[in-house]
Amino acid sequence: MTIRTIIVDDESLAIQGLALRLEAYPDIEIIDTAQNGREAIRKIKTHKPDLVFLDIQMPGFDGFSVVQGLMDVE
């Protein structure tokens, strides 16, 4: 079984670093990335991933706002 994953971080190097580390796990498939909270909500709703690596400290719409935004819709 493949674990469909989205990585959310405002720092592209952090996304690249995590993606590189996750390559060691063939059952994890990175289906998309997002660099801010609003983009993350849109991509999570669109792709419906199994797992999201979510940065908590992002400018503007932070990780907690993403979680709240997803809960408000459901």
Protein backbone atom coordinates (compact mmCIF):
# COMPACT_ATOMS: atom_id res chain seq x y z
CA MET A 1 0.00 0.00 0.00
CA THR A 2 1.28 3.45 -0.94
CA ILE A 3 0.95 6.34 1.50
CA ARG A 4 0.00 9.42 -0.52
CA THR A 5 1.75 12.40 1.07
CA ILE A 6 1.82 16.20 0.85
CA ILE A 7 4.64 18.28 2.33
CA VAL A 8 3.80 21.82 3.49
CA ASP A 9 6.55 24.28 4.40
CA ASP A 10 7.30 27.89 3.53
CA GLU A 11 11.00 27.05 3.08
CA SER A 12 11.75 25.19 -0.15
CA LEU A 13 14.97 23.74 1.30
CA ALA A 14 12.97 22.15 4.10
CA ILE A 15 10.63 20.57 1.55
CA GLN A 16 13.58 19.27 -0.46
CA GLY A 17 15.30 17.92 2.66
CA LEU A 18 12.24 16.04 3.85
CA ALA A 19 11.52 14.72 0.36
CA LEU A 20 15.10 13.45 0.15
CA ARG A 21 14.78 11.65 3.49
CA LEU A 22 11.45 10.12 2.50
CA GLU A 23 12.99 8.56 -0.63
CA ALA A 24 14.27 5.80 1.66
CA TYR A 25 10.65 4.68 2.17
CA PRO A 26 9.28 3.20 -1.06
CA ASP A 27 5.75 3.04 0.36
CA ILE A 28 5.60 6.86 0.70
CA GLU A 29 4.64 8.76 -2.45
CA ILE A 30 4.91 12.55 -2.39
CA ILE A 31 1.96 13.64 -4.50
CA ASP A 32 2.37 17.39 -4.02
CA THR A 33 3.93 20.18 -1.98
CA ALA A 34 2.67 23.55 -0.76
CA GLN A 35 4.54 26.62 0.43
CA ASN A 36 1.80 28.38 2.39
CA GLY A 37 -1.33 27.61 4.37
CA ARG A 38 -3.94 28.62 1.82
CA GLU A 39 -2.24 26.58 -0.89
CA ALA A 40 -2.04 23.65 1.54
CA ILE A 41 -5.78 23.68 2.22
CA ARG A 42 -6.57 23.76 -1.50
CA LYS A 43 -4.18 20.90 -2.29
CA ILE A 44 -5.29 18.78 0.68
CA LYS A 45 -8.93 19.13 -0.37
CA THR A 46 -8.07 18.34 -3.99
CA HIS A 47 -5.74 15.37 -3.48
CA LYS A 48 -7.10 13.95 -0.20
CA PRO A 49 -3.70 12.61 0.93
CA ASP A 50 -3.17 9.89 3.53
CA LEU A 51 -0.44 11.89 5.28
CA VAL A 52 0.52 15.58 5.50
CA PHE A 53 3.82 16.89 6.83
CA LEU A 54 2.72 20.35 7.97
CA ASP A 55 5.00 23.18 9.07
CA ILE A 56 3.45 24.93 12.06
CA GLN A 57 5.32 28.25 11.82
CA MET A 58 4.54 29.86 8.49
CA PRO A 59 3.86 33.54 7.87
CA GLY A 60 0.21 34.51 7.62
CA PHE A 61 -1.82 31.32 7.48
CA ASP A 62 0.16 29.00 9.80
CA GLY A 63 -0.15 25.26 10.30
CA PHE A 64 -2.79 25.58 13.03
CA SER A 65 -4.87 27.74 10.68
CA VAL A 66 -4.62 25.00 8.05
CA VAL A 67 -5.95 22.41 10.48
CA GLN A 68 -8.75 24.75 11.57
CA GLY A 69 -9.59 25.53 7.93
CA LEU A 70 -9.88 21.85 7.13
CA MET A 71 -12.04 21.18 10.19
CA ASP A 72 -14.44 24.06 9.39
CA VAL A 73 -15.27 22.54 6.01
CA GLU A 74 -15.94 19.01 7.18
